[in-house]
Structures are given as structure tokens and as C-alpha cells.
N, C-alpha and C. Protein backbone atom coordinates (compact mmCIF):
# COMPACT_ATOMS: atom_id res chain seq x y z
N UNK A 1 27.65 -16.57 -14.84
CA UNK A 1 27.62 -15.56 -13.86
C UNK A 1 26.91 -14.25 -14.25
N UNK A 2 27.10 -13.93 -15.62
CA UNK A 2 26.60 -12.69 -16.12
C UNK A 2 25.10 -12.59 -16.01
N UNK A 3 24.41 -13.81 -16.05
CA UNK A 3 22.88 -13.81 -15.90
C UNK A 3 22.50 -13.38 -14.43
N UNK A 4 23.28 -13.89 -13.50
CA UNK A 4 23.11 -13.42 -12.05
C UNK A 4 23.22 -11.96 -11.90
N UNK A 5 24.34 -11.46 -12.54
CA UNK A 5 24.63 -10.01 -12.41
C UNK A 5 23.53 -9.24 -13.05
N UNK A 6 23.05 -9.59 -14.33
CA UNK A 6 22.14 -8.87 -14.94
C UNK A 6 20.74 -8.92 -14.22
N UNK A 7 20.44 -10.06 -13.66
CA UNK A 7 19.12 -10.26 -12.96
C UNK A 7 19.25 -9.37 -11.67
N UNK A 8 20.32 -9.38 -10.88
CA UNK A 8 20.42 -8.45 -9.72
C UNK A 8 20.25 -7.06 -10.02
N UNK A 9 20.98 -6.56 -11.14
CA UNK A 9 20.85 -5.18 -11.50
C UNK A 9 19.44 -4.89 -11.96
N UNK A 10 18.82 -5.71 -12.84
CA UNK A 10 17.48 -5.41 -13.40
C UNK A 10 16.44 -5.40 -12.18
N UNK A 11 16.49 -6.31 -11.40
CA UNK A 11 15.51 -6.50 -10.23
C UNK A 11 15.68 -5.21 -9.38
N UNK A 12 16.99 -4.95 -9.13
CA UNK A 12 17.27 -3.70 -8.31
C UNK A 12 16.69 -2.43 -8.93
N UNK A 13 17.03 -2.27 -10.18
CA UNK A 13 16.44 -1.06 -10.99
C UNK A 13 14.83 -1.13 -10.91
N UNK A 14 14.36 -2.23 -11.07
CA UNK A 14 12.85 -2.35 -11.05
C UNK A 14 12.30 -1.91 -9.67
N UNK A 15 12.98 -2.41 -8.65
CA UNK A 15 12.51 -1.95 -7.27
C UNK A 15 12.65 -0.55 -7.06
N UNK A 16 13.83 0.04 -7.44
CA UNK A 16 14.06 1.47 -7.27
C UNK A 16 12.97 2.28 -8.05
N UNK A 17 12.52 1.84 -9.22
CA UNK A 17 11.55 2.52 -10.01
C UNK A 17 10.19 2.44 -9.27
N UNK A 18 9.84 1.30 -8.65
CA UNK A 18 8.65 1.14 -7.88
C UNK A 18 8.68 2.07 -6.71
N UNK A 19 9.78 2.16 -6.06
CA UNK A 19 9.93 3.01 -4.96
C UNK A 19 9.66 4.57 -5.30
N UNK A 20 10.28 5.03 -6.37
CA UNK A 20 10.13 6.29 -6.71
C UNK A 20 8.86 6.69 -7.29
N UNK A 21 8.29 5.85 -8.14
CA UNK A 21 6.91 6.16 -8.73
C UNK A 21 5.85 5.85 -7.91
N UNK A 22 5.71 4.67 -7.27
CA UNK A 22 4.53 4.21 -6.64
C UNK A 22 4.61 4.32 -5.11
N UNK A 23 5.78 4.17 -4.41
CA UNK A 23 5.85 4.20 -2.98
C UNK A 23 6.77 5.34 -2.63
N UNK A 24 6.34 6.64 -2.48
CA UNK A 24 7.26 7.66 -2.19
C UNK A 24 7.75 7.57 -0.74
N UNK A 25 9.05 8.06 -0.64
CA UNK A 25 9.66 7.99 0.64
C UNK A 25 10.71 6.85 0.56
N UNK A 26 11.50 6.84 1.64
CA UNK A 26 12.49 5.80 1.77
C UNK A 26 11.75 4.60 2.37
N UNK A 27 11.69 3.58 1.74
CA UNK A 27 11.22 2.38 2.32
C UNK A 27 12.11 1.04 2.12
N UNK A 28 11.62 0.04 2.64
CA UNK A 28 12.46 -1.32 2.48
C UNK A 28 12.69 -1.59 0.94
N UNK A 29 11.56 -1.35 0.19
CA UNK A 29 11.59 -1.72 -1.29
C UNK A 29 12.75 -0.91 -1.92
N UNK A 30 12.92 0.35 -1.73
CA UNK A 30 13.92 1.20 -2.30
C UNK A 30 15.34 0.71 -1.80
N UNK A 31 15.44 0.53 -0.56
CA UNK A 31 16.77 0.10 0.05
C UNK A 31 17.23 -1.32 -0.55
N UNK A 32 16.26 -2.17 -0.54
CA UNK A 32 16.55 -3.57 -1.10
C UNK A 32 16.98 -3.39 -2.63
N UNK A 33 16.16 -2.60 -3.39
CA UNK A 33 16.54 -2.36 -4.82
C UNK A 33 17.94 -1.92 -4.96
N UNK A 34 18.30 -0.91 -4.17
CA UNK A 34 19.60 -0.20 -4.28
C UNK A 34 20.59 -1.29 -3.88
N UNK A 35 20.45 -2.12 -2.79
CA UNK A 35 21.40 -3.14 -2.46
C UNK A 35 21.54 -4.13 -3.53
N UNK A 36 20.46 -4.56 -4.22
CA UNK A 36 20.56 -5.55 -5.30
C UNK A 36 21.39 -4.94 -6.39
N UNK A 37 21.10 -3.81 -6.83
CA UNK A 37 21.85 -3.12 -7.97
C UNK A 37 23.25 -2.94 -7.61
N UNK A 38 23.64 -2.60 -6.32
CA UNK A 38 25.00 -2.48 -5.87
C UNK A 38 25.71 -3.88 -5.92
N UNK A 39 24.96 -4.82 -5.47
CA UNK A 39 25.51 -6.24 -5.43
C UNK A 39 25.84 -6.73 -6.88
N UNK A 40 24.94 -6.33 -7.81
CA UNK A 40 25.23 -6.82 -9.27
C UNK A 40 26.45 -6.03 -9.75
N UNK A 41 26.63 -4.82 -9.37
CA UNK A 41 27.75 -4.05 -9.90
C UNK A 41 29.09 -4.60 -9.27
N UNK A 42 28.91 -4.92 -7.91
CA UNK A 42 30.21 -5.43 -7.25
C UNK A 42 30.55 -6.75 -7.75
N UNK A 43 29.58 -7.61 -8.06
CA UNK A 43 29.84 -8.96 -8.68
C UNK A 43 30.47 -8.70 -10.19
N UNK A 44 29.97 -7.74 -10.84
CA UNK A 44 30.57 -7.42 -12.08
C UNK A 44 32.06 -7.08 -12.08
N UNK A 45 32.32 -6.13 -11.07
CA UNK A 45 33.77 -5.81 -10.90
C UNK A 45 34.59 -6.98 -10.43
N UNK A 46 34.05 -7.81 -9.58
CA UNK A 46 34.81 -8.99 -9.07
C UNK A 46 35.07 -10.04 -10.12
N UNK A 47 33.96 -10.20 -10.97
CA UNK A 47 34.15 -11.38 -11.96
C UNK A 47 34.89 -10.94 -13.20
N UNK A 48 34.71 -9.76 -13.69
CA UNK A 48 35.02 -9.30 -15.00
C UNK A 48 36.18 -8.23 -14.96
N UNK A 49 36.55 -7.73 -13.80
CA UNK A 49 37.66 -6.82 -13.79
C UNK A 49 37.12 -5.33 -13.72
N UNK A 50 37.96 -4.45 -13.66
CA UNK A 50 37.65 -2.98 -13.49
C UNK A 50 37.03 -2.39 -14.78
N UNK A 51 37.62 -2.74 -15.99
CA UNK A 51 37.10 -2.23 -17.16
C UNK A 51 35.58 -2.55 -17.43
N UNK A 52 35.33 -3.89 -17.42
CA UNK A 52 33.95 -4.33 -17.60
C UNK A 52 33.06 -3.86 -16.45
N UNK A 53 33.65 -3.80 -15.25
CA UNK A 53 32.88 -3.46 -14.05
C UNK A 53 32.42 -1.97 -14.23
N UNK A 54 33.28 -1.08 -14.78
CA UNK A 54 32.96 0.33 -14.99
C UNK A 54 31.79 0.40 -16.08
N UNK A 55 31.93 -0.40 -17.22
CA UNK A 55 30.88 -0.35 -18.21
C UNK A 55 29.64 -0.84 -17.52
N UNK A 56 29.59 -1.77 -16.63
CA UNK A 56 28.35 -2.27 -16.02
C UNK A 56 27.74 -1.09 -15.13
N UNK A 57 28.70 -0.54 -14.42
CA UNK A 57 28.27 0.70 -13.55
C UNK A 57 27.61 1.76 -14.49
N UNK A 58 28.27 2.17 -15.54
CA UNK A 58 27.71 3.18 -16.44
C UNK A 58 26.46 2.69 -17.04
N UNK A 59 26.34 1.53 -17.50
CA UNK A 59 25.15 0.96 -18.05
C UNK A 59 24.03 1.01 -17.01
N UNK A 60 24.28 0.59 -15.81
CA UNK A 60 23.27 0.57 -14.77
C UNK A 60 22.82 2.02 -14.56
N UNK A 61 23.74 2.94 -14.49
CA UNK A 61 23.17 4.36 -14.25
C UNK A 61 22.41 4.89 -15.48
N UNK A 62 22.82 4.60 -16.66
CA UNK A 62 22.11 5.03 -17.83
C UNK A 62 20.68 4.40 -17.91
N UNK A 63 20.64 3.02 -17.64
CA UNK A 63 19.27 2.40 -17.74
C UNK A 63 18.45 2.95 -16.69
N UNK A 64 18.98 3.02 -15.47
CA UNK A 64 18.09 3.59 -14.41
C UNK A 64 17.57 5.04 -14.71
N UNK A 65 18.33 5.87 -15.21
CA UNK A 65 17.96 7.20 -15.58
C UNK A 65 16.83 7.21 -16.74
N UNK A 66 17.23 6.37 -17.73
CA UNK A 66 16.16 6.17 -18.83
C UNK A 66 14.91 5.58 -18.42
N UNK A 67 15.01 4.59 -17.56
CA UNK A 67 13.80 3.98 -17.00
C UNK A 67 12.94 4.98 -16.10
N UNK A 68 13.58 5.77 -15.41
CA UNK A 68 12.83 6.77 -14.51
C UNK A 68 12.27 7.80 -15.45
N UNK A 69 13.05 8.20 -16.37
CA UNK A 69 12.43 9.21 -17.43
C UNK A 69 11.19 8.70 -18.11
N UNK A 70 11.33 7.44 -18.56
CA UNK A 70 10.16 6.89 -19.37
C UNK A 70 8.99 6.72 -18.40
N UNK A 71 9.16 6.30 -17.11
CA UNK A 71 8.08 6.03 -16.19
C UNK A 71 7.37 7.33 -15.91
N UNK A 72 8.12 8.43 -15.71
CA UNK A 72 7.44 9.69 -15.46
C UNK A 72 6.87 10.25 -16.63
N UNK A 73 7.39 10.11 -17.72
CA UNK A 73 6.88 10.68 -19.02
C UNK A 73 5.55 9.94 -19.43
N UNK A 74 5.53 8.51 -19.16
CA UNK A 74 4.35 7.82 -19.60
C UNK A 74 3.12 8.10 -18.69
N UNK A 75 3.41 8.69 -17.44
CA UNK A 75 2.25 9.06 -16.56
C UNK A 75 1.68 7.86 -15.85
N UNK A 76 2.46 6.75 -15.78
CA UNK A 76 2.02 5.55 -15.12
C UNK A 76 1.50 5.82 -13.67
N UNK A 77 2.35 6.69 -13.08
CA UNK A 77 2.05 7.05 -11.66
C UNK A 77 0.69 7.81 -11.52
N UNK A 78 0.19 8.35 -12.56
CA UNK A 78 -1.05 9.07 -12.49
C UNK A 78 -2.33 8.21 -12.29
N UNK A 79 -2.14 6.85 -12.66
CA UNK A 79 -3.17 5.89 -12.41
C UNK A 79 -3.43 5.59 -10.88
N UNK A 80 -2.44 5.88 -10.25
CA UNK A 80 -2.39 5.49 -8.84
C UNK A 80 -2.55 6.75 -7.85
N UNK A 81 -2.59 7.94 -8.41
CA UNK A 81 -2.68 9.18 -7.78
C UNK A 81 -4.07 9.55 -7.50
N UNK A 82 -4.33 10.15 -6.45
CA UNK A 82 -5.61 10.70 -6.16
C UNK A 82 -5.94 12.06 -7.02
N UNK A 83 -6.82 12.01 -7.82
CA UNK A 83 -7.13 13.06 -8.74
C UNK A 83 -8.31 14.03 -8.38
N UNK A 84 -9.04 13.70 -7.34
CA UNK A 84 -10.16 14.46 -6.89
C UNK A 84 -9.59 15.40 -5.76
N UNK A 85 -10.32 16.42 -5.54
CA UNK A 85 -10.05 17.32 -4.36
C UNK A 85 -11.38 17.54 -3.64
N UNK A 86 -11.17 17.83 -2.46
CA UNK A 86 -12.28 18.10 -1.50
C UNK A 86 -12.58 19.62 -1.63
N UNK A 87 -13.73 19.92 -2.07
CA UNK A 87 -14.06 21.28 -2.31
C UNK A 87 -15.16 21.82 -1.38
N UNK A 88 -15.65 20.92 -0.47
CA UNK A 88 -16.63 21.37 0.58
C UNK A 88 -15.95 22.02 1.77
N UNK A 89 -16.74 22.68 2.48
CA UNK A 89 -16.14 23.34 3.62
C UNK A 89 -16.81 22.90 4.93
N UNK A 90 -16.15 23.26 5.98
CA UNK A 90 -16.72 22.75 7.33
C UNK A 90 -17.98 23.42 7.55
N UNK A 91 -19.12 22.84 7.87
CA UNK A 91 -20.42 23.34 8.16
C UNK A 91 -20.70 24.26 6.94
N UNK A 92 -20.53 23.81 5.74
CA UNK A 92 -20.85 24.62 4.61
C UNK A 92 -22.30 24.95 4.54
N UNK A 93 -22.42 26.31 4.31
CA UNK A 93 -23.72 26.93 4.14
C UNK A 93 -24.54 27.13 5.40
N UNK A 94 -24.01 26.62 6.46
CA UNK A 94 -24.74 26.75 7.77
C UNK A 94 -24.35 27.90 8.58
N UNK A 95 -23.06 28.42 8.27
CA UNK A 95 -22.53 29.59 9.16
C UNK A 95 -23.42 30.87 9.02
N UNK A 96 -24.24 31.01 7.91
CA UNK A 96 -25.16 32.16 7.76
C UNK A 96 -26.31 31.96 8.64
N UNK A 97 -26.64 30.73 9.00
CA UNK A 97 -27.89 30.40 9.74
C UNK A 97 -27.68 30.74 11.22
N UNK A 98 -26.51 30.77 11.71
CA UNK A 98 -26.17 30.92 13.16
C UNK A 98 -25.55 32.26 13.43
N UNK A 99 -25.99 32.90 14.45
CA UNK A 99 -25.52 34.11 14.95
C UNK A 99 -25.02 34.07 16.31
N UNK A 100 -24.02 34.91 16.68
CA UNK A 100 -23.40 34.95 18.02
C UNK A 100 -24.59 35.26 19.00
N UNK A 101 -24.54 34.52 20.12
CA UNK A 101 -25.60 34.79 21.07
C UNK A 101 -26.64 33.79 21.18
N UNK A 102 -26.76 33.00 19.99
CA UNK A 102 -27.83 31.87 20.02
C UNK A 102 -27.51 30.85 20.96
N UNK A 103 -28.51 30.21 21.62
CA UNK A 103 -28.31 29.15 22.55
C UNK A 103 -28.77 27.88 22.05
N UNK A 104 -28.10 26.81 22.53
CA UNK A 104 -28.43 25.43 22.04
C UNK A 104 -27.91 24.43 23.10
N UNK A 105 -27.96 23.21 22.60
CA UNK A 105 -27.52 22.16 23.59
C UNK A 105 -26.57 21.25 22.92
N UNK A 106 -25.54 20.77 23.69
CA UNK A 106 -24.60 19.88 23.11
C UNK A 106 -25.19 18.43 22.89
N UNK A 107 -24.96 17.85 21.83
CA UNK A 107 -25.42 16.50 21.49
C UNK A 107 -24.51 15.43 21.86
N UNK A 108 -23.15 15.83 21.78
CA UNK A 108 -22.13 14.98 22.16
C UNK A 108 -21.13 15.79 23.02
N UNK A 109 -20.19 15.01 23.57
CA UNK A 109 -19.14 15.71 24.52
C UNK A 109 -18.30 16.53 23.59
N UNK A 110 -18.06 17.80 24.06
CA UNK A 110 -17.09 18.60 23.31
C UNK A 110 -15.70 18.42 23.86
N UNK A 111 -14.74 17.91 23.09
CA UNK A 111 -13.44 17.55 23.61
C UNK A 111 -12.41 18.12 22.82
N UNK A 112 -12.13 19.21 22.50
CA UNK A 112 -13.09 20.36 22.70
C UNK A 112 -14.01 20.60 21.45
N UNK A 113 -13.97 19.55 20.47
CA UNK A 113 -14.88 19.61 19.39
C UNK A 113 -15.94 18.52 19.53
N UNK A 114 -17.11 18.88 19.01
CA UNK A 114 -18.22 17.92 19.11
C UNK A 114 -19.37 18.42 18.32
N UNK A 115 -20.61 18.01 18.65
CA UNK A 115 -21.77 18.42 17.99
C UNK A 115 -22.71 19.11 18.98
N UNK A 116 -23.37 20.11 18.50
CA UNK A 116 -24.43 20.83 19.28
C UNK A 116 -25.64 20.99 18.37
N UNK A 117 -26.70 21.24 18.99
CA UNK A 117 -28.02 21.43 18.29
C UNK A 117 -28.51 22.83 18.54
N UNK A 118 -28.75 23.63 17.45
CA UNK A 118 -29.23 24.94 17.53
C UNK A 118 -30.53 24.97 16.61
N UNK A 119 -31.72 25.23 17.17
CA UNK A 119 -32.94 25.28 16.32
C UNK A 119 -33.25 24.06 15.55
N UNK A 120 -32.88 23.01 16.13
CA UNK A 120 -33.18 21.63 15.49
C UNK A 120 -32.24 21.21 14.39
N UNK A 121 -31.01 21.99 14.33
CA UNK A 121 -29.98 21.65 13.32
C UNK A 121 -28.78 21.25 14.18
N UNK A 122 -28.19 20.11 13.83
CA UNK A 122 -27.00 19.73 14.53
C UNK A 122 -25.73 20.16 13.70
N UNK A 123 -24.71 20.71 14.32
CA UNK A 123 -23.55 21.22 13.73
C UNK A 123 -22.29 20.84 14.50
N UNK A 124 -21.19 20.84 13.88
CA UNK A 124 -19.87 20.63 14.57
C UNK A 124 -19.52 22.00 15.24
N UNK A 125 -19.08 22.01 16.48
CA UNK A 125 -18.77 23.21 17.16
C UNK A 125 -17.49 22.95 18.07
N UNK A 126 -16.81 23.99 18.44
CA UNK A 126 -15.62 23.98 19.25
C UNK A 126 -15.88 24.78 20.48
N UNK A 127 -15.42 24.29 21.70
CA UNK A 127 -15.51 25.00 22.87
C UNK A 127 -14.57 26.18 22.89
N UNK A 128 -15.01 27.26 23.39
CA UNK A 128 -14.22 28.54 23.33
C UNK A 128 -12.82 28.38 23.96
N UNK A 129 -12.84 27.86 25.14
CA UNK A 129 -11.57 27.79 25.88
C UNK A 129 -10.78 26.42 25.73
N UNK A 130 -11.31 25.58 24.88
CA UNK A 130 -10.74 24.20 24.72
C UNK A 130 -11.10 23.25 25.83
N UNK A 131 -11.99 23.62 26.66
CA UNK A 131 -12.28 22.65 27.62
C UNK A 131 -13.40 21.57 27.26
N UNK A 132 -13.51 20.60 28.08
CA UNK A 132 -14.46 19.54 27.78
C UNK A 132 -15.91 19.99 28.23
N UNK A 133 -16.91 19.80 27.47
CA UNK A 133 -18.24 20.18 27.83
C UNK A 133 -19.14 18.89 27.63
N UNK A 134 -19.77 18.54 28.71
CA UNK A 134 -20.54 17.25 28.75
C UNK A 134 -21.83 17.41 27.74
N UNK A 135 -22.38 16.25 27.42
CA UNK A 135 -23.51 16.11 26.58
C UNK A 135 -24.70 16.65 27.38
N UNK A 136 -25.61 17.38 26.66
CA UNK A 136 -26.82 17.96 27.23
C UNK A 136 -26.57 19.20 27.89
N UNK A 137 -25.40 19.86 27.81
CA UNK A 137 -25.02 21.18 28.45
C UNK A 137 -25.63 22.24 27.55
N UNK A 138 -26.13 23.27 28.14
CA UNK A 138 -26.50 24.49 27.43
C UNK A 138 -25.31 25.29 27.12
N UNK A 139 -25.27 25.62 25.67
CA UNK A 139 -24.11 26.45 25.21
C UNK A 139 -24.67 27.57 24.42
N UNK A 140 -23.81 28.64 24.29
CA UNK A 140 -24.18 29.88 23.52
C UNK A 140 -23.10 30.01 22.45
N UNK A 141 -23.52 30.44 21.25
CA UNK A 141 -22.57 30.70 20.20
C UNK A 141 -21.79 31.99 20.52
N UNK A 142 -20.47 31.83 20.53
CA UNK A 142 -19.64 33.03 20.82
C UNK A 142 -19.08 33.59 19.49
N UNK A 143 -18.86 32.81 18.57
CA UNK A 143 -18.25 33.37 17.28
C UNK A 143 -18.66 32.36 16.11
N UNK A 144 -18.87 32.86 14.96
CA UNK A 144 -19.09 32.07 13.85
C UNK A 144 -18.24 32.58 12.72
N UNK A 145 -17.46 31.57 12.17
CA UNK A 145 -16.42 31.97 11.12
C UNK A 145 -16.74 30.81 9.97
N UNK A 146 -15.96 31.00 8.86
CA UNK A 146 -16.08 30.08 7.76
C UNK A 146 -15.51 28.57 8.18
N UNK A 147 -14.62 28.54 9.16
CA UNK A 147 -13.99 27.34 9.54
C UNK A 147 -14.53 26.67 10.78
N UNK A 148 -15.24 27.50 11.67
CA UNK A 148 -15.69 26.96 12.92
C UNK A 148 -16.83 27.77 13.55
N UNK A 149 -17.55 27.04 14.46
CA UNK A 149 -18.53 27.71 15.18
C UNK A 149 -18.07 27.52 16.68
N UNK A 150 -17.67 28.62 17.32
CA UNK A 150 -17.12 28.55 18.78
C UNK A 150 -18.26 28.79 19.61
N UNK A 151 -18.32 27.94 20.70
CA UNK A 151 -19.42 28.15 21.61
C UNK A 151 -18.73 28.16 23.10
N UNK A 152 -19.62 28.67 23.90
CA UNK A 152 -19.16 28.77 25.40
C UNK A 152 -20.32 28.13 26.19
N UNK A 153 -19.94 27.57 27.26
CA UNK A 153 -20.89 26.92 28.20
C UNK A 153 -21.76 28.02 28.80
N UNK A 154 -23.06 27.87 29.06
CA UNK A 154 -23.93 28.72 29.81
C UNK A 154 -23.87 28.31 31.20
N UNK A 155 -23.36 29.16 32.14
CA UNK A 155 -23.32 28.67 33.47
C UNK A 155 -24.63 28.96 34.34
């Protein structure tokens, strides 16, 4: 029976480590691992009494803490982490090319974001009041910032 107890606890600890290191958040993997470890500890208490059961509980806690420490220290999780960053900006380099008051035409429906063309250049734009603007509608630039080009429909 000790093999079953050891396997339950080891598989439970393994699943808990997978949960903490590779699958952040509370998922089925972590819950299942916790239930397996608890089942192994409960079987240890039931089969071997309270003294041995307490030793099994303490050993499970120590092994879990040691395995988590070694997992974080080894950097195994870094192999699965995204190490690049997006350093580009919205309409990067184009905001200097456009000035408030310039007129253009929508290339796609603005819902409230979409594409418009100004002087042969297509850019992402946002309608000023958040309304929908149909394709082919004449628009005028109301505001240019680093994060958006705000346009309004020419009536």
C-alpha cells in the first residue's frame, strides 16, 4: 500500500508544480494534483496511524516546498515565457504626416475604429463621437495624438 500512497503524493506534487510553474491560475490540473496529494496523505493516516501519517504530511509539505524552490531557481518556466516585447506604436511615424483639418475618405467602416485614406496613405482612425461611419465617406482629421487619429464625418 505504501507504493500507492507514494505514487498518489508524487503525482499530486508533480501536478501542483505544473500548475504553479506552467499553467498559472487555478485550473483542473492544480485541483486534481491537490486532491491526489491529499488522498495519499489520508491513506497514509488510515493505513499507518497518526504518527506515520504526520510524518507523511510533513514530508509531503517539505518535498513540495523543495520542488517549487528548485523549479523556480532552475528557470525552467523561462523557456515557456514570452521574452519579447512589442515596442512599436500605433500608426508609428505617421502622426507627424497628418494635421488636423486634413480631409480623406474611409476605406473601411468605422465602428468606431477602422481605416481611412489621406493623401494616398491608409491609416487606422477612430470616429470622434464613437459613431459608425460607412465606407467611402468623407472625413476630416479632428485630432492627432501618439495613440490615435480622431476623425469626424464631413456633412
